[in-house]
C-alpha atoms as a PDB file:
ATOM      1  CA  VAL A   1     -60.544 -43.393 -14.718  1.00  0.00           C
ATOM      2  CA  LEU A   2     -62.481 -40.327 -15.825  1.00  0.00           C
ATOM      3  CA  LYS A   3     -63.611 -41.945 -19.052  1.00  0.00           C
ATOM      4  CA  LYS A   4     -64.732 -45.031 -17.177  1.00  0.00           C
ATOM      5  CA  LEU A   5     -66.804 -42.929 -14.798  1.00  0.00           C
ATOM      6  CA  LYS A   6     -68.281 -40.894 -17.672  1.00  0.00           C
ATOM      7  CA  ASP A   7     -69.231 -44.091 -19.423  1.00  0.00           C
ATOM      8  CA  GLU A   8     -70.872 -45.376 -16.293  1.00  0.00           C
ATOM      9  CA  ALA A   9     -72.811 -42.101 -15.901  1.00  0.00           C
ATOM     10  CA  LYS A  10     -74.028 -42.347 -19.526  1.00  0.00           C
ATOM     11  CA  THR A  11     -75.098 -45.910 -18.932  1.00  0.00           C
ATOM     12  CA  CYS A  12     -77.061 -44.851 -15.880  1.00  0.00           C
ATOM     13  CA  ARG A  13     -78.780 -42.049 -17.817  1.00  0.00           C
ATOM     14  CA  LEU A  14     -79.737 -44.368 -20.630  1.00  0.00           C
ATOM     15  CA  GLU A  15     -81.180 -46.850 -18.234  1.00  0.00           C
ATOM     16  CA  GLU A  16     -83.169 -44.100 -16.660  1.00  0.00           C
ATOM     17  CA  LYS A  17     -84.727 -43.153 -19.968  1.00  0.00           C
ATOM     18  CA  ARG A  18     -85.813 -46.703 -20.742  1.00  0.00           C
ATOM     19  CA  PRO A  19     -89.243 -47.667 -19.786  1.00  0.00           C
ATOM     20  CA  SER A  20     -89.298 -49.272 -16.456  1.00  0.00           C
ATOM     21  CA  CYS A  21     -90.124 -52.873 -16.130  1.00  0.00           C
ATOM     22  CA  SER A  22     -91.424 -54.484 -13.103  1.00  0.00           C
ATOM     23  CA  ASP A  23     -88.561 -56.869 -13.229  1.00  0.00           C
ATOM     24  CA  GLY A  24     -85.817 -54.157 -13.346  1.00  0.00           C
ATOM     25  CA  PRO A  25     -84.338 -52.003 -10.707  1.00  0.00           C
ATOM     26  CA  HIS A  26     -86.351 -49.381  -9.002  1.00  0.00           C
ATOM     27  CA  PRO A  27     -86.045 -45.746 -10.172  1.00  0.00           C
ATOM     28  CA  ASP A  28     -84.799 -44.640  -6.751  1.00  0.00           C
ATOM     29  CA  GLN A  29     -81.943 -47.059  -7.031  1.00  0.00           C
ATOM     30  CA  ILE A  30     -81.116 -45.759 -10.447  1.00  0.00           C
ATOM     31  CA  ASP A  31     -81.144 -42.151  -9.178  1.00  0.00           C
ATOM     32  CA  ALA A  32     -78.819 -43.140  -6.345  1.00  0.00           C
ATOM     33  CA  LYS A  33     -76.452 -44.801  -8.822  1.00  0.00           C
ATOM     34  CA  ILE A  34     -76.548 -41.714 -11.038  1.00  0.00           C
ATOM     35  CA  ASP A  35     -75.838 -39.417  -8.102  1.00  0.00           C
ATOM     36  CA  LYS A  36     -73.014 -41.676  -6.996  1.00  0.00           C
ATOM     37  CA  ALA A  37     -71.585 -41.745 -10.508  1.00  0.00           C
ATOM     38  CA  MET A  38     -71.846 -37.921 -10.760  1.00  0.00           C
ATOM     39  CA  ILE A  39     -70.040 -37.491  -7.465  1.00  0.00           C
ATOM     40  CA  GLN A  40     -67.287 -39.828  -8.622  1.00  0.00           C
ATOM     41  CA  CYS A  41     -67.141 -37.995 -11.943  1.00  0.00           C
ATOM     42  CA  ASN A  42     -66.772 -34.615 -10.209  1.00  0.00           C
ATOM     43  CA  GLU A  43     -64.068 -35.999  -7.929  1.00  0.00           C
ATOM     44  CA  ALA A  44     -62.272 -37.445 -10.926  1.00  0.00           C
ATOM     45  CA  GLU A  45     -62.488 -34.107 -12.761  1.00  0.00           C
ATOM     46  CA  ASN A  46     -61.145 -32.282  -9.687  1.00  0.00           C
ATOM     47  CA  LEU A  47     -58.293 -34.789  -9.414  1.00  0.00           C
ATOM     48  CA  CYS A  48     -57.613 -34.408 -13.127  1.00  0.00           C
ATOM     49  CA  LYS A  49     -57.504 -30.599 -12.798  1.00  0.00           C
ATOM     50  CA  THR A  50     -55.208 -30.881  -9.758  1.00  0.00           C
ATOM     51  CA  TYR A  51     -52.882 -33.253 -11.636  1.00  0.00           C
ATOM     52  CA  GLU A  52     -52.898 -31.006 -14.695  1.00  0.00           C
ATOM     53  CA  HIS A  53     -52.082 -28.027 -12.477  1.00  0.00           C
ATOM     54  CA  ILE A  54     -49.249 -30.022 -10.821  1.00  0.00           C
ATOM     55  CA  VAL A  55     -47.917 -31.073 -14.227  1.00  0.00           C
ATOM     56  CA  GLN A  56     -48.039 -27.455 -15.434  1.00  0.00           C
ATOM     57  CA  ARG A  57     -46.187 -26.260 -12.326  1.00  0.00           C
ATOM     58  CA  LEU A  58     -43.612 -29.013 -12.745  1.00  0.00           C
ATOM     59  CA  LYS A  59     -43.076 -27.964 -16.380  1.00  0.00           C
ATOM     60  CA  GLU A  60     -42.666 -24.337 -15.299  1.00  0.00           C
ATOM     61  CA  GLU A  61     -40.311 -25.397 -12.528  1.00  0.00           C
ATOM     62  CA  ARG A  62     -38.398 -27.534 -14.987  1.00  0.00           C
ATOM     63  CA  ILE A  63     -37.880 -24.538 -17.217  1.00  0.00           C
ATOM     64  CA  SER A  64     -36.905 -22.336 -14.274  1.00  0.00           C
ATOM     65  CA  PHE A  65     -34.826 -25.175 -12.825  1.00  0.00           C
ATOM     66  CA  ASP A  66     -32.933 -25.435 -16.106  1.00  0.00           C
ATOM     67  CA  LYS A  67     -32.359 -21.682 -16.005  1.00  0.00           C
ATOM     68  CA  GLN A  68     -31.251 -21.849 -12.372  1.00  0.00           C
ATOM     69  CA  LEU A  69     -29.006 -24.795 -13.148  1.00  0.00           C
ATOM     70  CA  ALA A  70     -27.455 -22.931 -16.090  1.00  0.00           C
ATOM     71  CA  ALA A  71     -26.943 -19.843 -13.896  1.00  0.00           C
ATOM     72  CA  LEU A  72     -25.328 -21.977 -11.193  1.00  0.00           C
ATOM     73  CA  GLU A  73     -23.056 -23.606 -13.778  1.00  0.00           C
ATOM     74  CA  ARG A  74     -22.021 -20.174 -15.079  1.00  0.00           C
ATOM     75  CA  THR A  75     -21.389 -19.027 -11.520  1.00  0.00           C
ATOM     76  CA  MET A  76     -19.376 -22.154 -10.821  1.00  0.00           C
ATOM     77  CA  GLN A  77     -17.295 -21.615 -13.960  1.00  0.00           C
ATOM     78  CA  SER A  78     -16.608 -17.986 -13.044  1.00  0.00           C
ATOM     79  CA  LYS A  79     -15.676 -19.061  -9.509  1.00  0.00           C
ATOM     80  CA  GLN A  80     -13.371 -21.696 -10.976  1.00  0.00           C
ATOM     81  CA  ARG A  81     -11.697 -19.039 -13.147  1.00  0.00           C
ATOM     82  CA  ASP A  82     -11.373 -16.784 -10.113  1.00  0.00           C
ATOM     83  CA  ASN A  83      -9.889 -19.691  -8.164  1.00  0.00           C
ATOM     84  CA  ASP A  84      -7.375 -20.383 -10.946  1.00  0.00           C
ATOM     85  CA  GLU A  85      -6.400 -16.700 -11.053  1.00  0.00           C
ATOM     86  CA  LEU A  86      -6.037 -16.633  -7.275  1.00  0.00           C
ATOM     87  CA  LEU A  87      -3.827 -19.713  -7.425  1.00  0.00           C
ATOM     88  CA  LEU A  88      -1.617 -17.974  -9.988  1.00  0.00           C
ATOM     89  CA  LEU A  89      -1.529 -14.820  -7.874  1.00  0.00           C
ATOM     90  CA  SER A  90      -0.717 -16.923  -4.831  1.00  0.00           C
ATOM     91  CA  GLY A  91       2.226 -18.488  -6.657  1.00  0.00           C
ATOM     92  CA  ASP A  92       3.421 -15.065  -7.798  1.00  0.00           C
ATOM     93  CA  SER A  93       3.056 -13.600  -4.315  1.00  0.00           C
ATOM     94  CA  ASN A  94       4.916 -16.552  -2.772  1.00  0.00           C
ATOM     95  CA  HIS A  95       7.719 -16.067  -5.289  1.00  0.00           C
ATOM     96  CA  ALA A  96       7.822 -12.326  -4.579  1.00  0.00           C
ATOM     97  CA  ARG A  97       7.802 -12.986  -0.819  1.00  0.00           C
ATOM     98  CA  ASP A  98      10.717 -15.428  -1.171  1.00  0.00           C
ATOM     99  CA  GLY A  99      12.640 -12.875  -3.240  1.00  0.00           C
ATOM    100  CA  ALA A 100      11.933 -10.158  -0.665  1.00  0.00           C
ATOM    101  CA  GLN A 101      13.096 -12.437   2.142  1.00  0.00           C
ATOM    102  CA  GLN A 102      16.333 -13.151   0.275  1.00  0.00           C
ATOM    103  CA  ASN A 103      16.843  -9.420  -0.298  1.00  0.00           C
ATOM    104  CA  LEU A 104      16.169  -8.807   3.391  1.00  0.00           C
ATOM    105  CA  ILE A 105      18.751 -11.429   4.379  1.00  0.00           C
ATOM    106  CA  LYS A 106      21.290  -9.871   1.991  1.00  0.00           C
ATOM    107  CA  ALA A 107      20.537  -6.405   3.367  1.00  0.00           C
ATOM    108  CA  LYS A 108      20.929  -7.645   6.948  1.00  0.00           C
ATOM    109  CA  CYS A 109      24.255  -9.278   6.100  1.00  0.00           C
ATOM    110  CA  SER A 110      25.422  -6.116   4.348  1.00  0.00           C
ATOM    111  CA  PHE A 111      24.302  -4.021   7.320  1.00  0.00           C
ATOM    112  CA  GLN A 112      26.090  -6.311   9.776  1.00  0.00           C
ATOM    113  CA  ASP A 113      29.266  -6.171   7.645  1.00  0.00           C
ATOM    114  CA  SER A 114      29.163  -2.388   7.397  1.00  0.00           C
ATOM    115  CA  LYS A 115      28.409  -2.133  11.113  1.00  0.00           C
ATOM    116  CA  ALA A 116      31.387  -4.365  11.953  1.00  0.00           C
ATOM    117  CA  CYS A 117      33.604  -2.340   9.574  1.00  0.00           C
ATOM    118  CA  ARG A 118      32.439   0.933  11.148  1.00  0.00           C
ATOM    119  CA  THR A 119      33.014  -0.429  14.632  1.00  0.00           C
ATOM    120  CA  ARG A 120      36.521  -1.481  13.615  1.00  0.00           C
ATOM    121  CA  GLU A 121      37.201   1.961  12.095  1.00  0.00           C
ATOM    122  CA  ILE A 122      35.887   3.693  15.225  1.00  0.00           C
ATOM    123  CA  ARG A 123      38.127   1.556  17.432  1.00  0.00           C
ATOM    124  CA  GLU A 124      41.123   2.346  15.235  1.00  0.00           C
ATOM    125  CA  LYS A 125      40.366   6.076  15.312  1.00  0.00           C
ATOM    126  CA  GLU A 126      39.857   5.975  19.070  1.00  0.00           C
ATOM    127  CA  GLN A 127      43.219   4.211  19.391  1.00  0.00           C
ATOM    128  CA  GLN A 128      44.843   6.834  17.160  1.00  0.00           C
ATOM    129  CA  ILE A 129      43.270   9.619  19.218  1.00  0.00           C
ATOM    130  CA  LYS A 130      44.463   7.991  22.417  1.00  0.00           C
ATOM    131  CA  ILE A 131      47.998   7.696  21.029  1.00  0.00           C
ATOM    132  CA  ARG A 132      47.940  11.343  19.854  1.00  0.00           C
ATOM    133  CA  ARG A 133      46.739  12.499  23.258  1.00  0.00           C
ATOM    134  CA  GLN A 134      49.510  10.567  24.922  1.00  0.00           C
ATOM    135  CA  MET A 135      52.010  12.053  22.504  1.00  0.00           C
ATOM    136  CA  LEU A 136      50.623  15.558  23.072  1.00  0.00           C
ATOM    137  CA  HIS A 137      50.695  15.026  26.810  1.00  0.00           C
ATOM    138  CA  LYS A 138      54.319  13.864  26.612  1.00  0.00           C
ATOM    139  CA  GLN A 139      55.120  16.817  24.352  1.00  0.00           C
ATOM    140  CA  GLU A 140      53.474  19.233  26.762  1.00  0.00           C
ATOM    141  CA  ARG A 141      55.416  17.761  29.668  1.00  0.00           C
ATOM    142  CA  SER A 142      58.698  17.949  27.789  1.00  0.00           C
ATOM    143  CA  ASP A 143      57.843  21.496  26.635  1.00  0.00           C
ATOM    144  CA  ALA A 144      56.960  22.449  30.187  1.00  0.00           C
ATOM    145  CA  GLU A 145      60.217  20.976  31.418  1.00  0.00           C
ATOM    146  CA  LYS A 146      62.132  22.821  28.702  1.00  0.00           C
ATOM    147  CA  THR A 147      60.404  26.104  29.415  1.00  0.00           C
ATOM    148  CA  LYS A 148      60.977  25.655  33.108  1.00  0.00           C
ATOM    149  CA  SER A 149      64.660  24.972  32.540  1.00  0.00           C
ATOM    150  CA  LEU A 150      64.803  27.942  30.144  1.00  0.00           C
ATOM    151  CA  GLU A 151      63.100  30.137  32.709  1.00  0.00           C
ATOM    152  CA  ASP A 152      65.511  29.016  35.333  1.00  0.00           C
ATOM    153  CA  GLU A 153      68.421  29.715  33.018  1.00  0.00           C
ATOM    154  CA  ASN A 154      66.934  33.056  31.992  1.00  0.00           C
ATOM    155  CA  ARG A 155      66.413  34.059  35.611  1.00  0.00           C
ATOM    156  CA  ASN A 156      69.892  33.044  36.442  1.00  0.00           C
ATOM    157  CA  LYS A 157      71.259  34.905  33.445  1.00  0.00           C
ATOM    158  CA  SER A 158      69.053  37.926  33.928  1.00  0.00           C
ATOM    159  CA  THR A 159      69.893  38.290  37.564  1.00  0.00           C
ATOM    160  CA  SER A 160      73.582  37.827  36.894  1.00  0.00           C
ATOM    161  CA  SER A 161      73.613  40.084  33.832  1.00  0.00           C
ATOM    162  CA  LEU A 162      71.517  42.684  35.545  1.00  0.00           C
ATOM    163  CA  ALA A 163      73.730  42.654  38.484  1.00  0.00           C
ATOM    164  CA  GLU A 164      76.817  43.059  36.296  1.00  0.00           C
ATOM    165  CA  SER A 165      75.619  45.439  33.625  1.00  0.00           C
ATOM    166  CA  VAL A 166      73.091  47.650  35.288  1.00  0.00           C
ATOM    167  CA  PRO A 167      73.894  49.577  38.321  1.00  0.00           C
ATOM    168  CA  ILE A 168      71.441  48.934  41.081  1.00  0.00           C
ATOM    169  CA  GLY A 169      69.155  51.818  41.565  1.00  0.00           C
ATOM    170  CA  PRO A 170      65.546  52.797  41.484  1.00  0.00           C
ATOM    171  CA  LYS A 171      65.486  53.001  37.688  1.00  0.00           C
ATOM    172  CA  SER A 172      67.204  49.670  37.029  1.00  0.00           C
ATOM    173  CA  ALA A 173      64.854  47.773  39.408  1.00  0.00           C
ATOM    174  CA  ARG A 174      61.902  49.059  37.462  1.00  0.00           C
ATOM    175  CA  GLN A 175      63.450  47.943  34.209  1.00  0.00           C
ATOM    176  CA  ALA A 176      64.204  44.543  35.683  1.00  0.00           C
ATOM    177  CA  ALA A 177      60.567  44.201  36.859  1.00  0.00           C
ATOM    178  CA  LYS A 178      59.318  45.164  33.401  1.00  0.00           C
ATOM    179  CA  GLU A 179      61.624  42.710  31.742  1.00  0.00           C
ATOM    180  CA  GLN A 180      60.567  40.008  34.181  1.00  0.00           C
ATOM    181  CA  GLU A 181      56.867  40.751  33.422  1.00  0.00           C
ATOM    182  CA  MET A 182      57.514  40.564  29.685  1.00  0.00           C
ATOM    183  CA  LEU A 183      59.360  37.280  30.141  1.00  0.00           C
ATOM    184  CA  ASP A 184      56.554  35.869  32.262  1.00  0.00           C
ATOM    185  CA  GLY A 185      54.027  36.935  29.573  1.00  0.00           C
ATOM    186  CA  TYR A 186      56.085  35.179  26.893  1.00  0.00           C
ATOM    187  CA  ILE A 187      56.214  32.064  29.019  1.00  0.00           C
ATOM    188  CA  ARG A 188      52.433  32.101  29.591  1.00  0.00           C
ATOM    189  CA  ASP A 189      51.817  32.561  25.867  1.00  0.00           C
ATOM    190  CA  PHE A 190      54.141  29.692  25.183  1.00  0.00           C
ATOM    191  CA  HIS A 191      52.273  27.448  27.658  1.00  0.00           C
ATOM    192  CA  LYS A 192      48.976  28.359  26.048  1.00  0.00           C
ATOM    193  CA  LEU A 193      50.264  27.073  22.738  1.00  0.00           C
END
């Protein structure tokens, strides 16, 4: 388009330089055509510069676009590697979680078993303690009965032997009281045991 307009402008200039004939176009018409051709030429040059500038920007953008595309591809590859690693870690963590859950279940079962065993042992010991207390209580009662019968026998014997062997007097009553106190002390000590 530019070349065509330049050619037309040259043609107009050449015609202007020719000697004018009365038959040919008027010089004002030729000047108007030249001006019109110059305006079109300038517009064409401006369009050509604009297109060249656009082409240059597109080339620059193409280069930067290729760089951006390469950077995005590298980023995507690194993200893909990260994703693969995370998938592996996820599998490992799931496996570890399952193992921990199994260990927890085993530990709970073991705890429940030991708890049941302890409860059983405590019940048995409580039963043994209860039986021992009953036995001790029976023993204490039988001991108390024995000591009471012994005391009764001793009182009977002591009163009868004192009456027979020791003459009744102020000195023998004191001895009998002392002996009775000693006997009562022995009995209390025996009950304490």
